[in-house]
């Protein structure tokens, strides 16, 4: 955190609501992005981000300054989203901030856009198979570059548990991808009237 952020944090802990507002403005984007990737819906993500900051505001006087503030804040968001996913028994984790990305002059052509969309759909499907906690760990590790220690701190897990969950998640995702790839090849052979090779 920058010096100004630390100053706002210290003031917010003393009950300065304006200082907390500054913290919200600083961290609202990463918090929203995490919630959006976890929940897959902009409206739900907005509600989750708002709930995250409300919980942080209520608890900030008891915040342990030895912990990185961004990790503490993200842990509140992650736990809330995990609870929401468990409640609805669904799991949708978009890979990009679709609908929120600013258009660029070097936007890809339709073929590349379709290819990227298909790839995102594949990865989204893979992530849907993971448990909420494993999904949170994967999102934090690959999209936010959290260390094992930071993920463990955020999700109340030991570092070894984080490593184990990430290893299992990668293995399960790879297996699912291979299974899906095999199904696609079989469908292509069937469409061309080919028979699957006998072993």
N, C-alpha and C. Protein backbone atom coordinates (compact mmCIF):
# COMPACT_ATOMS: atom_id res chain seq x y z
N UNK A 1 0.84 -1.20 0.00
CA UNK A 1 0.00 0.00 0.00
C UNK A 1 0.87 1.25 0.00
N UNK A 2 0.37 2.31 -0.61
CA UNK A 2 1.09 3.58 -0.63
C UNK A 2 0.92 4.29 0.71
N UNK A 3 1.77 5.29 0.93
CA UNK A 3 1.73 6.03 2.19
C UNK A 3 0.36 6.67 2.41
N UNK A 4 -0.22 7.19 1.33
CA UNK A 4 -1.54 7.82 1.47
C UNK A 4 -2.59 6.80 1.88
N UNK A 5 -2.49 5.58 1.31
CA UNK A 5 -3.44 4.52 1.67
C UNK A 5 -3.29 4.16 3.15
N UNK A 6 -2.06 4.06 3.61
CA UNK A 6 -1.81 3.74 5.02
C UNK A 6 -2.33 4.83 5.92
N UNK A 7 -2.21 6.07 5.48
CA UNK A 7 -2.72 7.20 6.26
C UNK A 7 -4.23 7.14 6.36
N UNK A 8 -4.88 6.83 5.21
CA UNK A 8 -6.34 6.71 5.22
C UNK A 8 -6.79 5.55 6.10
N UNK A 9 -6.04 4.45 6.05
CA UNK A 9 -6.36 3.29 6.86
C UNK A 9 -6.30 3.63 8.35
N UNK A 10 -5.24 4.32 8.74
CA UNK A 10 -5.09 4.71 10.15
C UNK A 10 -6.23 5.63 10.58
N UNK A 11 -6.60 6.55 9.71
CA UNK A 11 -7.70 7.47 10.03
C UNK A 11 -9.04 6.73 10.08
N UNK A 12 -9.21 5.79 9.15
CA UNK A 12 -10.47 5.02 9.12
C UNK A 12 -10.62 4.20 10.39
N UNK A 13 -9.51 3.66 10.89
CA UNK A 13 -9.57 2.87 12.11
C UNK A 13 -9.95 3.72 13.32
N UNK A 14 -9.73 5.02 13.21
CA UNK A 14 -10.10 5.94 14.29
C UNK A 14 -11.53 6.47 14.12
N UNK A 15 -12.21 5.95 13.07
CA UNK A 15 -13.62 6.32 12.88
C UNK A 15 -13.86 7.39 11.84
N UNK A 16 -12.84 7.75 11.06
CA UNK A 16 -12.98 8.77 10.03
C UNK A 16 -13.64 8.15 8.80
N UNK A 17 -14.91 8.48 8.58
CA UNK A 17 -15.66 7.89 7.47
C UNK A 17 -15.16 8.39 6.12
N UNK A 18 -14.67 9.62 6.06
CA UNK A 18 -14.13 10.15 4.81
C UNK A 18 -12.89 9.36 4.38
N UNK A 19 -12.06 8.98 5.36
CA UNK A 19 -10.86 8.20 5.06
C UNK A 19 -11.26 6.82 4.54
N UNK A 20 -12.31 6.25 5.13
CA UNK A 20 -12.75 4.93 4.65
C UNK A 20 -13.29 5.04 3.23
N UNK A 21 -13.96 6.15 2.92
CA UNK A 21 -14.45 6.37 1.57
C UNK A 21 -13.30 6.38 0.57
N UNK A 22 -12.17 6.95 0.98
CA UNK A 22 -10.98 6.96 0.13
C UNK A 22 -10.48 5.53 -0.10
N UNK A 23 -10.53 4.70 0.93
CA UNK A 23 -10.12 3.30 0.79
C UNK A 23 -11.05 2.57 -0.17
N UNK A 24 -12.34 2.87 -0.07
CA UNK A 24 -13.32 2.24 -0.98
C UNK A 24 -12.99 2.60 -2.42
N UNK A 25 -12.71 3.87 -2.67
CA UNK A 25 -12.41 4.32 -4.02
C UNK A 25 -11.13 3.67 -4.55
N UNK A 26 -10.18 3.41 -3.65
CA UNK A 26 -8.92 2.80 -4.05
C UNK A 26 -9.08 1.32 -4.39
N UNK A 27 -9.90 0.62 -3.61
CA UNK A 27 -9.97 -0.84 -3.75
C UNK A 27 -11.27 -1.36 -4.35
N UNK A 28 -12.17 -0.47 -4.73
CA UNK A 28 -13.47 -0.96 -5.22
C UNK A 28 -13.34 -1.78 -6.50
N UNK A 29 -12.40 -1.41 -7.39
CA UNK A 29 -12.26 -2.13 -8.65
C UNK A 29 -11.76 -3.57 -8.43
N UNK A 30 -10.64 -3.77 -7.72
CA UNK A 30 -10.20 -5.16 -7.50
C UNK A 30 -11.20 -6.00 -6.72
N UNK A 31 -11.91 -5.39 -5.76
CA UNK A 31 -12.91 -6.13 -5.00
C UNK A 31 -14.06 -6.53 -5.92
N UNK A 32 -14.53 -5.59 -6.74
CA UNK A 32 -15.61 -5.90 -7.67
C UNK A 32 -15.19 -6.99 -8.65
N UNK A 33 -13.96 -6.88 -9.18
CA UNK A 33 -13.49 -7.87 -10.15
C UNK A 33 -13.44 -9.27 -9.55
N UNK A 34 -12.98 -9.37 -8.31
CA UNK A 34 -12.95 -10.68 -7.65
C UNK A 34 -14.36 -11.24 -7.51
N UNK A 35 -15.28 -10.40 -7.05
CA UNK A 35 -16.67 -10.83 -6.87
C UNK A 35 -17.29 -11.22 -8.21
N UNK A 36 -16.95 -10.47 -9.26
CA UNK A 36 -17.51 -10.76 -10.58
C UNK A 36 -17.01 -12.09 -11.11
N UNK A 37 -15.72 -12.35 -10.91
CA UNK A 37 -15.16 -13.62 -11.38
C UNK A 37 -15.73 -14.79 -10.57
N UNK A 38 -16.02 -14.56 -9.32
CA UNK A 38 -16.55 -15.62 -8.48
C UNK A 38 -18.03 -15.87 -8.76
N UNK A 39 -18.80 -14.81 -8.96
CA UNK A 39 -20.25 -14.94 -9.05
C UNK A 39 -20.77 -14.94 -10.48
N UNK A 40 -20.03 -14.31 -11.41
CA UNK A 40 -20.42 -14.34 -12.81
C UNK A 40 -21.59 -13.46 -13.18
N UNK A 41 -21.94 -12.52 -12.32
CA UNK A 41 -23.08 -11.64 -12.60
C UNK A 41 -22.73 -10.25 -12.07
N UNK A 42 -22.87 -9.23 -12.92
CA UNK A 42 -22.47 -7.88 -12.55
C UNK A 42 -23.28 -7.33 -11.37
N UNK A 43 -24.58 -7.57 -11.40
CA UNK A 43 -25.44 -7.06 -10.32
C UNK A 43 -25.10 -7.73 -9.00
N UNK A 44 -24.95 -9.05 -9.03
CA UNK A 44 -24.58 -9.77 -7.82
C UNK A 44 -23.20 -9.35 -7.33
N UNK A 45 -22.29 -9.12 -8.27
CA UNK A 45 -20.94 -8.69 -7.90
C UNK A 45 -20.96 -7.32 -7.25
N UNK A 46 -21.79 -6.43 -7.78
CA UNK A 46 -21.93 -5.10 -7.19
C UNK A 46 -22.45 -5.19 -5.76
N UNK A 47 -23.47 -6.03 -5.57
CA UNK A 47 -24.02 -6.23 -4.22
C UNK A 47 -22.97 -6.84 -3.29
N UNK A 48 -22.20 -7.80 -3.81
CA UNK A 48 -21.18 -8.46 -3.00
C UNK A 48 -20.08 -7.49 -2.62
N UNK A 49 -19.68 -6.64 -3.55
CA UNK A 49 -18.65 -5.64 -3.26
C UNK A 49 -19.14 -4.66 -2.20
N UNK A 50 -20.39 -4.25 -2.32
CA UNK A 50 -20.96 -3.34 -1.34
C UNK A 50 -21.01 -4.00 0.04
N UNK A 51 -21.41 -5.26 0.09
CA UNK A 51 -21.46 -5.99 1.34
C UNK A 51 -20.05 -6.15 1.92
N UNK A 52 -19.07 -6.37 1.06
CA UNK A 52 -17.69 -6.50 1.50
C UNK A 52 -17.23 -5.24 2.22
N UNK A 53 -17.50 -4.09 1.63
CA UNK A 53 -17.07 -2.83 2.25
C UNK A 53 -17.86 -2.51 3.51
N UNK A 54 -19.13 -2.92 3.54
CA UNK A 54 -19.92 -2.71 4.76
C UNK A 54 -19.34 -3.54 5.90
N UNK A 55 -18.98 -4.80 5.60
CA UNK A 55 -18.40 -5.66 6.64
C UNK A 55 -17.03 -5.14 7.06
N UNK A 56 -16.27 -4.66 6.09
CA UNK A 56 -14.95 -4.11 6.41
C UNK A 56 -15.08 -2.87 7.30
N UNK A 57 -16.06 -2.04 7.00
CA UNK A 57 -16.27 -0.81 7.79
C UNK A 57 -16.63 -1.15 9.24
N UNK A 58 -17.48 -2.18 9.38
CA UNK A 58 -17.88 -2.57 10.73
C UNK A 58 -16.74 -3.20 11.53
N UNK A 59 -15.78 -3.80 10.81
CA UNK A 59 -14.71 -4.54 11.49
C UNK A 59 -13.36 -3.83 11.49
N UNK A 60 -13.28 -2.68 10.86
CA UNK A 60 -11.97 -2.08 10.63
C UNK A 60 -11.25 -1.68 11.92
N UNK A 61 -12.00 -1.37 12.96
CA UNK A 61 -11.36 -1.01 14.23
C UNK A 61 -10.63 -2.20 14.84
N UNK A 62 -11.04 -3.40 14.45
CA UNK A 62 -10.42 -4.62 14.98
C UNK A 62 -9.44 -5.23 13.98
N UNK A 63 -9.22 -4.52 12.86
CA UNK A 63 -8.31 -5.03 11.84
C UNK A 63 -6.89 -5.14 12.41
N UNK A 64 -6.26 -6.28 12.15
CA UNK A 64 -4.89 -6.54 12.60
C UNK A 64 -3.91 -5.91 11.61
N UNK A 65 -3.21 -4.88 12.06
CA UNK A 65 -2.32 -4.15 11.16
C UNK A 65 -1.13 -4.96 10.69
N UNK A 66 -0.91 -6.13 11.27
CA UNK A 66 0.20 -6.97 10.83
C UNK A 66 -0.16 -7.70 9.53
N UNK A 67 -1.44 -7.73 9.19
CA UNK A 67 -1.89 -8.35 7.95
C UNK A 67 -1.94 -7.31 6.84
N UNK A 68 -1.61 -7.69 5.60
CA UNK A 68 -1.77 -6.74 4.48
C UNK A 68 -3.24 -6.39 4.32
N UNK A 69 -3.55 -5.12 4.26
CA UNK A 69 -4.94 -4.69 4.15
C UNK A 69 -5.64 -5.24 2.91
N UNK A 70 -4.99 -5.22 1.72
CA UNK A 70 -5.68 -5.77 0.53
C UNK A 70 -6.05 -7.24 0.69
N UNK A 71 -5.17 -8.02 1.34
CA UNK A 71 -5.46 -9.44 1.56
C UNK A 71 -6.64 -9.59 2.50
N UNK A 72 -6.67 -8.80 3.55
CA UNK A 72 -7.77 -8.83 4.51
C UNK A 72 -9.09 -8.49 3.81
N UNK A 73 -9.06 -7.46 2.97
CA UNK A 73 -10.26 -7.03 2.26
C UNK A 73 -10.73 -8.10 1.28
N UNK A 74 -9.78 -8.67 0.53
CA UNK A 74 -10.12 -9.72 -0.44
C UNK A 74 -10.65 -10.97 0.25
N UNK A 75 -10.15 -11.25 1.45
CA UNK A 75 -10.64 -12.42 2.17
C UNK A 75 -12.11 -12.25 2.54
N UNK A 76 -12.50 -11.03 2.90
CA UNK A 76 -13.91 -10.75 3.22
C UNK A 76 -14.76 -10.98 1.97
N UNK A 77 -14.28 -10.46 0.84
CA UNK A 77 -15.01 -10.63 -0.42
C UNK A 77 -15.10 -12.10 -0.82
N UNK A 78 -13.99 -12.81 -0.72
CA UNK A 78 -13.96 -14.22 -1.13
C UNK A 78 -14.89 -15.07 -0.28
N UNK A 79 -14.87 -14.88 1.03
CA UNK A 79 -15.73 -15.67 1.91
C UNK A 79 -17.20 -15.38 1.65
N UNK A 80 -17.52 -14.12 1.41
CA UNK A 80 -18.90 -13.78 1.12
C UNK A 80 -19.36 -14.45 -0.18
N UNK A 81 -18.50 -14.39 -1.22
CA UNK A 81 -18.86 -14.99 -2.51
C UNK A 81 -18.97 -16.51 -2.40
N UNK A 82 -18.08 -17.12 -1.64
CA UNK A 82 -18.15 -18.57 -1.43
C UNK A 82 -19.49 -18.94 -0.80
N UNK A 83 -19.92 -18.17 0.19
CA UNK A 83 -21.21 -18.43 0.83
C UNK A 83 -22.35 -18.29 -0.17
N UNK A 84 -22.27 -17.26 -1.03
CA UNK A 84 -23.33 -17.05 -2.01
C UNK A 84 -23.38 -18.19 -3.02
N UNK A 85 -22.21 -18.66 -3.46
CA UNK A 85 -22.17 -19.77 -4.41
C UNK A 85 -22.75 -21.04 -3.80
N UNK A 86 -22.39 -21.28 -2.56
CA UNK A 86 -22.91 -22.47 -1.88
C UNK A 86 -24.42 -22.39 -1.73
N UNK A 87 -24.92 -21.20 -1.50
CA UNK A 87 -26.37 -21.04 -1.33
C UNK A 87 -27.11 -21.34 -2.62
N UNK A 88 -26.61 -20.89 -3.71
CA UNK A 88 -27.33 -21.09 -4.97
C UNK A 88 -26.91 -22.38 -5.68
N UNK A 89 -25.86 -23.05 -5.13
CA UNK A 89 -25.40 -24.34 -5.66
C UNK A 89 -25.07 -24.26 -7.15
N UNK A 90 -24.50 -23.12 -7.51
CA UNK A 90 -24.03 -22.94 -8.88
C UNK A 90 -22.64 -22.34 -8.82
N UNK A 91 -21.92 -22.42 -9.93
CA UNK A 91 -20.58 -21.85 -9.97
C UNK A 91 -20.27 -21.35 -11.37
N UNK A 92 -20.23 -20.04 -11.50
CA UNK A 92 -19.91 -19.44 -12.79
C UNK A 92 -18.82 -18.41 -12.55
N UNK A 93 -17.67 -18.61 -13.17
CA UNK A 93 -16.55 -17.69 -12.97
C UNK A 93 -16.06 -17.18 -14.31
N UNK A 94 -16.57 -16.04 -14.77
CA UNK A 94 -16.08 -15.51 -16.03
C UNK A 94 -14.58 -15.20 -15.94
N UNK A 95 -13.90 -15.34 -17.05
CA UNK A 95 -12.46 -15.15 -17.07
C UNK A 95 -12.09 -13.68 -17.23
N UNK A 96 -12.89 -12.94 -17.96
CA UNK A 96 -12.59 -11.54 -18.17
C UNK A 96 -13.77 -10.70 -17.71
N UNK A 97 -13.55 -9.43 -17.54
CA UNK A 97 -14.60 -8.52 -17.13
C UNK A 97 -15.46 -8.18 -18.33
N UNK A 98 -16.20 -9.17 -18.82
CA UNK A 98 -16.99 -8.97 -20.02
C UNK A 98 -18.05 -7.91 -19.75
N UNK A 99 -18.17 -6.96 -20.69
CA UNK A 99 -19.13 -5.89 -20.52
C UNK A 99 -18.53 -4.70 -19.79
N UNK A 100 -17.33 -4.84 -19.24
CA UNK A 100 -16.72 -3.76 -18.50
C UNK A 100 -15.40 -3.32 -19.12
N UNK A 101 -14.89 -4.10 -20.08
CA UNK A 101 -13.62 -3.75 -20.71
C UNK A 101 -13.83 -2.60 -21.67
N UNK A 102 -12.90 -1.64 -21.66
CA UNK A 102 -12.99 -0.51 -22.57
C UNK A 102 -12.56 -0.96 -23.97
N UNK A 103 -13.27 -0.54 -25.01
CA UNK A 103 -12.89 -0.94 -26.37
C UNK A 103 -11.54 -0.34 -26.74
N UNK A 104 -10.78 -1.06 -27.53
CA UNK A 104 -9.47 -0.58 -27.97
C UNK A 104 -9.43 -0.51 -29.48
N UNK A 105 -8.48 0.26 -30.00
CA UNK A 105 -8.35 0.42 -31.44
C UNK A 105 -7.86 -0.86 -32.10
N UNK A 106 -7.11 -1.67 -31.33
CA UNK A 106 -6.57 -2.90 -31.89
C UNK A 106 -7.41 -4.11 -31.50
N UNK A 107 -8.73 -3.91 -31.50
CA UNK A 107 -9.65 -5.00 -31.15
C UNK A 107 -9.49 -6.13 -32.15
N UNK A 108 -9.60 -7.39 -31.68
CA UNK A 108 -9.41 -8.52 -32.58
C UNK A 108 -10.55 -8.64 -33.57
N UNK A 109 -10.25 -9.30 -34.70
CA UNK A 109 -11.27 -9.53 -35.72
C UNK A 109 -12.27 -10.57 -35.24
N UNK A 110 -13.33 -10.80 -36.02
CA UNK A 110 -14.39 -11.73 -35.61
C UNK A 110 -13.91 -13.15 -35.40
N UNK A 111 -12.96 -13.62 -36.23
CA UNK A 111 -12.48 -14.99 -36.07
C UNK A 111 -11.74 -15.15 -34.73
N UNK A 112 -10.85 -14.19 -34.44
CA UNK A 112 -10.09 -14.26 -33.20
C UNK A 112 -11.01 -14.07 -31.99
N UNK A 113 -11.99 -13.18 -32.13
CA UNK A 113 -12.94 -12.96 -31.04
C UNK A 113 -13.70 -14.24 -30.74
N UNK A 114 -14.12 -14.95 -31.79
CA UNK A 114 -14.86 -16.20 -31.61
C UNK A 114 -13.97 -17.23 -30.94
N UNK A 115 -12.71 -17.30 -31.37
CA UNK A 115 -11.76 -18.25 -30.78
C UNK A 115 -11.56 -17.97 -29.30
N UNK A 116 -11.38 -16.69 -28.96
CA UNK A 116 -11.19 -16.32 -27.56
C UNK A 116 -12.44 -16.64 -26.74
N UNK A 117 -13.60 -16.38 -27.34
CA UNK A 117 -14.85 -16.65 -26.64
C UNK A 117 -14.99 -18.14 -26.35
N UNK A 118 -14.60 -18.97 -27.33
CA UNK A 118 -14.67 -20.41 -27.14
C UNK A 118 -13.71 -20.86 -26.05
N UNK A 119 -12.50 -20.28 -26.06
CA UNK A 119 -11.51 -20.63 -25.04
C UNK A 119 -12.02 -20.25 -23.65
N UNK A 120 -12.61 -19.06 -23.55
CA UNK A 120 -13.15 -18.62 -22.27
C UNK A 120 -14.26 -19.54 -21.79
N UNK A 121 -15.06 -19.99 -22.75
CA UNK A 121 -16.14 -20.91 -22.40
C UNK A 121 -15.61 -22.22 -21.87
N UNK A 122 -14.52 -22.70 -22.47
CA UNK A 122 -13.90 -23.95 -22.02
C UNK A 122 -13.38 -23.81 -20.60
N UNK A 123 -12.61 -22.72 -20.37
CA UNK A 123 -12.04 -22.51 -19.04
C UNK A 123 -13.14 -22.29 -18.01
N UNK A 124 -14.19 -21.56 -18.39
CA UNK A 124 -15.30 -21.32 -17.48
C UNK A 124 -15.95 -22.65 -17.08
N UNK A 125 -16.10 -23.52 -18.08
CA UNK A 125 -16.68 -24.83 -17.79
C UNK A 125 -15.81 -25.64 -16.86
N UNK A 126 -14.48 -25.54 -17.03
CA UNK A 126 -13.56 -26.26 -16.16
C UNK A 126 -13.67 -25.75 -14.73
N UNK A 127 -13.73 -24.43 -14.58
CA UNK A 127 -13.80 -23.84 -13.24
C UNK A 127 -15.12 -24.16 -12.54
N UNK A 128 -16.17 -24.35 -13.34
CA UNK A 128 -17.47 -24.66 -12.76
C UNK A 128 -17.46 -25.99 -12.02
N UNK A 129 -16.51 -26.87 -12.38
CA UNK A 129 -16.45 -28.18 -11.75
C UNK A 129 -15.77 -28.13 -10.38
N UNK A 130 -15.11 -27.03 -10.07
CA UNK A 130 -14.37 -26.93 -8.81
C UNK A 130 -15.29 -26.54 -7.66
N UNK A 131 -14.86 -26.88 -6.45
CA UNK A 131 -15.59 -26.44 -5.27
C UNK A 131 -15.41 -24.94 -5.11
N UNK A 132 -16.30 -24.26 -4.38
CA UNK A 132 -16.16 -22.81 -4.21
C UNK A 132 -14.81 -22.37 -3.66
N UNK A 133 -14.28 -23.10 -2.68
CA UNK A 133 -13.00 -22.72 -2.09
C UNK A 133 -11.86 -22.93 -3.08
N UNK A 134 -11.88 -24.07 -3.78
CA UNK A 134 -10.85 -24.33 -4.79
C UNK A 134 -10.92 -23.27 -5.89
N UNK A 135 -12.12 -22.88 -6.27
CA UNK A 135 -12.29 -21.87 -7.30
C UNK A 135 -11.71 -20.53 -6.85
N UNK A 136 -11.96 -20.18 -5.59
CA UNK A 136 -11.41 -18.94 -5.05
C UNK A 136 -9.90 -18.98 -5.06
N UNK A 137 -9.33 -20.12 -4.68
CA UNK A 137 -7.87 -20.25 -4.66
C UNK A 137 -7.29 -20.11 -6.06
N UNK A 138 -7.92 -20.73 -7.04
CA UNK A 138 -7.45 -20.65 -8.43
C UNK A 138 -7.52 -19.22 -8.95
N UNK A 139 -8.65 -18.55 -8.69
CA UNK A 139 -8.81 -17.17 -9.15
C UNK A 139 -7.76 -16.26 -8.51
N UNK A 140 -7.55 -16.42 -7.21
CA UNK A 140 -6.57 -15.58 -6.52
C UNK A 140 -5.14 -15.84 -7.01
N UNK A 141 -4.84 -17.11 -7.30
CA UNK A 141 -3.48 -17.48 -7.70
C UNK A 141 -3.17 -17.05 -9.13
N UNK A 142 -4.10 -17.32 -10.04
CA UNK A 142 -3.81 -17.08 -11.45
C UNK A 142 -4.23 -15.70 -11.95
N UNK A 143 -5.22 -15.08 -11.33
CA UNK A 143 -5.65 -13.77 -11.80
C UNK A 143 -5.17 -12.62 -10.93
N UNK A 144 -4.84 -12.91 -9.68
CA UNK A 144 -4.41 -11.84 -8.79
C UNK A 144 -2.97 -12.02 -8.31
N UNK A 145 -2.32 -13.10 -8.73
CA UNK A 145 -0.93 -13.36 -8.36
C UNK A 145 -0.71 -13.39 -6.86
N UNK A 146 -1.71 -13.87 -6.11
CA UNK A 146 -1.55 -14.03 -4.67
C UNK A 146 -0.56 -15.16 -4.41
N UNK A 147 0.25 -15.01 -3.39
CA UNK A 147 1.16 -16.08 -2.99
C UNK A 147 0.37 -17.15 -2.23
N UNK A 148 1.01 -18.31 -2.01
CA UNK A 148 0.35 -19.35 -1.22
C UNK A 148 -0.02 -18.81 0.16
N UNK A 149 0.89 -18.03 0.73
CA UNK A 149 0.66 -17.48 2.07
C UNK A 149 -0.53 -16.53 2.07
N UNK A 150 -0.61 -15.68 1.05
CA UNK A 150 -1.72 -14.72 0.98
C UNK A 150 -3.05 -15.43 0.76
N UNK A 151 -3.06 -16.46 -0.09
CA UNK A 151 -4.29 -17.21 -0.31
C UNK A 151 -4.71 -17.92 0.97
N UNK A 152 -3.74 -18.51 1.65
CA UNK A 152 -4.03 -19.18 2.91
C UNK A 152 -4.59 -18.22 3.93
N UNK A 153 -4.00 -17.02 3.97
CA UNK A 153 -4.48 -16.00 4.90
C UNK A 153 -5.90 -15.57 4.57
N UNK A 154 -6.17 -15.42 3.27
CA UNK A 154 -7.49 -14.97 2.83
C UNK A 154 -8.57 -16.02 3.03
N UNK A 155 -8.21 -17.30 2.84
CA UNK A 155 -9.21 -18.36 2.89
C UNK A 155 -9.14 -19.21 4.16
N UNK A 156 -8.32 -18.77 5.11
CA UNK A 156 -8.16 -19.50 6.38
C UNK A 156 -7.67 -20.93 6.16
N UNK A 157 -6.64 -21.05 5.32
CA UNK A 157 -6.04 -22.35 5.01
C UNK A 157 -4.55 -22.30 5.29
N UNK A 158 -3.95 -23.45 5.54
CA UNK A 158 -2.51 -23.51 5.67
C UNK A 158 -1.90 -23.44 4.26
N UNK A 159 -0.62 -23.09 4.19
CA UNK A 159 0.03 -23.04 2.88
C UNK A 159 0.01 -24.40 2.21
N UNK A 160 0.23 -25.45 2.98
CA UNK A 160 0.21 -26.80 2.40
C UNK A 160 -1.17 -27.14 1.86
N UNK A 161 -2.21 -26.68 2.55
CA UNK A 161 -3.58 -26.93 2.08
C UNK A 161 -3.84 -26.18 0.78
N UNK A 162 -3.31 -24.96 0.68
CA UNK A 162 -3.47 -24.17 -0.54
C UNK A 162 -2.78 -24.89 -1.70
N UNK A 163 -1.54 -25.34 -1.48
CA UNK A 163 -0.80 -26.05 -2.53
C UNK A 163 -1.54 -27.30 -2.95
N UNK A 164 -2.08 -28.02 -1.96
CA UNK A 164 -2.81 -29.25 -2.25
C UNK A 164 -4.06 -28.96 -3.07
N UNK A 165 -4.80 -27.91 -2.70
CA UNK A 165 -6.02 -27.56 -3.42
C UNK A 165 -5.71 -27.12 -4.85
N UNK A 166 -4.66 -26.33 -5.03
CA UNK A 166 -4.29 -25.89 -6.37
C UNK A 166 -3.84 -27.07 -7.24
N UNK A 167 -3.07 -27.97 -6.63
CA UNK A 167 -2.62 -29.16 -7.37
C UNK A 167 -3.81 -30.00 -7.80
N UNK A 168 -4.74 -30.21 -6.87
CA UNK A 168 -5.93 -31.01 -7.19
C UNK A 168 -6.78 -30.32 -8.24
N UNK A 169 -6.91 -28.99 -8.12
CA UNK A 169 -7.72 -28.24 -9.08
C UNK A 169 -7.12 -28.33 -10.48
N UNK A 170 -5.78 -28.17 -10.58
CA UNK A 170 -5.12 -28.28 -11.88
C UNK A 170 -5.30 -29.69 -12.46
N UNK A 171 -5.17 -30.70 -11.61
CA UNK A 171 -5.33 -32.08 -12.07
C UNK A 171 -6.74 -32.33 -12.56
N UNK A 172 -7.73 -31.89 -11.79
CA UNK A 172 -9.13 -32.10 -12.18
C UNK A 172 -9.48 -31.35 -13.45
N UNK A 173 -8.97 -30.11 -13.57
CA UNK A 173 -9.24 -29.33 -14.77
C UNK A 173 -8.59 -29.96 -15.99
N UNK A 174 -7.36 -30.47 -15.83
CA UNK A 174 -6.67 -31.12 -16.95
C UNK A 174 -7.41 -32.38 -17.39
N UNK A 175 -7.90 -33.16 -16.41
CA UNK A 175 -8.64 -34.39 -16.73
C UNK A 175 -9.93 -34.05 -17.47
N UNK A 176 -10.64 -33.04 -16.97
CA UNK A 176 -11.89 -32.64 -17.62
C UNK A 176 -11.63 -32.16 -19.04
N UNK A 177 -10.53 -31.40 -19.21
CA UNK A 177 -10.20 -30.90 -20.54
C UNK A 177 -9.88 -32.05 -21.49
N UNK A 178 -9.14 -33.05 -21.01
CA UNK A 178 -8.81 -34.20 -21.84
C UNK A 178 -10.06 -34.98 -22.20
N UNK A 179 -10.96 -35.14 -21.22
CA UNK A 179 -12.22 -35.85 -21.49
C UNK A 179 -13.04 -35.12 -22.55
N UNK A 180 -13.11 -33.78 -22.39
CA UNK A 180 -13.88 -32.99 -23.35
C UNK A 180 -13.25 -33.04 -24.73
N UNK A 181 -11.91 -33.01 -24.77
CA UNK A 181 -11.20 -33.08 -26.05
C UNK A 181 -11.48 -34.41 -26.74
N UNK A 182 -11.50 -35.49 -25.96
CA UNK A 182 -11.79 -36.80 -26.52
C UNK A 182 -13.20 -36.87 -27.07
N UNK A 183 -14.13 -36.25 -26.38
CA UNK A 183 -15.52 -36.25 -26.85
C UNK A 183 -15.65 -35.46 -28.14
N UNK A 184 -14.94 -34.33 -28.23
CA UNK A 184 -15.00 -33.50 -29.43
C UNK A 184 -14.44 -34.27 -30.62
N UNK A 185 -13.29 -34.96 -30.42
CA UNK A 185 -12.69 -35.74 -31.51
C UNK A 185 -13.62 -36.85 -31.97
N UNK A 186 -14.29 -37.50 -31.01
CA UNK A 186 -15.23 -38.57 -31.36
C UNK A 186 -16.39 -38.02 -32.18
N UNK A 187 -16.88 -36.83 -31.79
CA UNK A 187 -17.99 -36.21 -32.51
C UNK A 187 -17.55 -35.83 -33.94
N UNK A 188 -16.31 -35.34 -34.06
CA UNK A 188 -15.82 -34.97 -35.39
C UNK A 188 -15.71 -36.20 -36.28
N UNK A 189 -15.19 -37.30 -35.72
CA UNK A 189 -15.06 -38.53 -36.50
C UNK A 189 -16.43 -39.05 -36.92
N UNK A 190 -17.39 -38.96 -35.99
CA UNK A 190 -18.73 -39.43 -36.30
C UNK A 190 -19.36 -38.56 -37.39
N UNK A 191 -19.09 -37.25 -37.34
CA UNK A 191 -19.66 -36.35 -38.33
C UNK A 191 -19.10 -36.63 -39.72
N UNK A 192 -17.86 -37.13 -39.77
CA UNK A 192 -17.24 -37.44 -41.06
C UNK A 192 -17.39 -38.92 -41.43
N UNK A 193 -18.17 -39.65 -40.64
CA UNK A 193 -18.41 -41.05 -40.95
C UNK A 193 -17.25 -41.95 -40.63
N UNK A 194 -16.33 -41.48 -39.78
CA UNK A 194 -15.17 -42.28 -39.40
C UNK A 194 -15.49 -43.09 -38.16
N UNK A 195 -14.84 -44.20 -38.02
CA UNK A 195 -15.01 -45.02 -36.85
C UNK A 195 -13.86 -44.77 -35.89
N UNK A 196 -14.17 -44.86 -34.60
CA UNK A 196 -13.12 -44.69 -33.61
C UNK A 196 -12.15 -45.84 -33.69
N UNK A 197 -10.84 -45.57 -33.54
CA UNK A 197 -9.87 -46.65 -33.63
C UNK A 197 -10.07 -47.68 -32.54
N UNK A 198 -9.90 -48.96 -32.90
CA UNK A 198 -10.06 -50.03 -31.91
C UNK A 198 -8.69 -50.33 -31.29
N UNK A 199 -8.70 -50.55 -30.00
CA UNK A 199 -7.45 -50.83 -29.28
C UNK A 199 -7.50 -52.22 -28.69
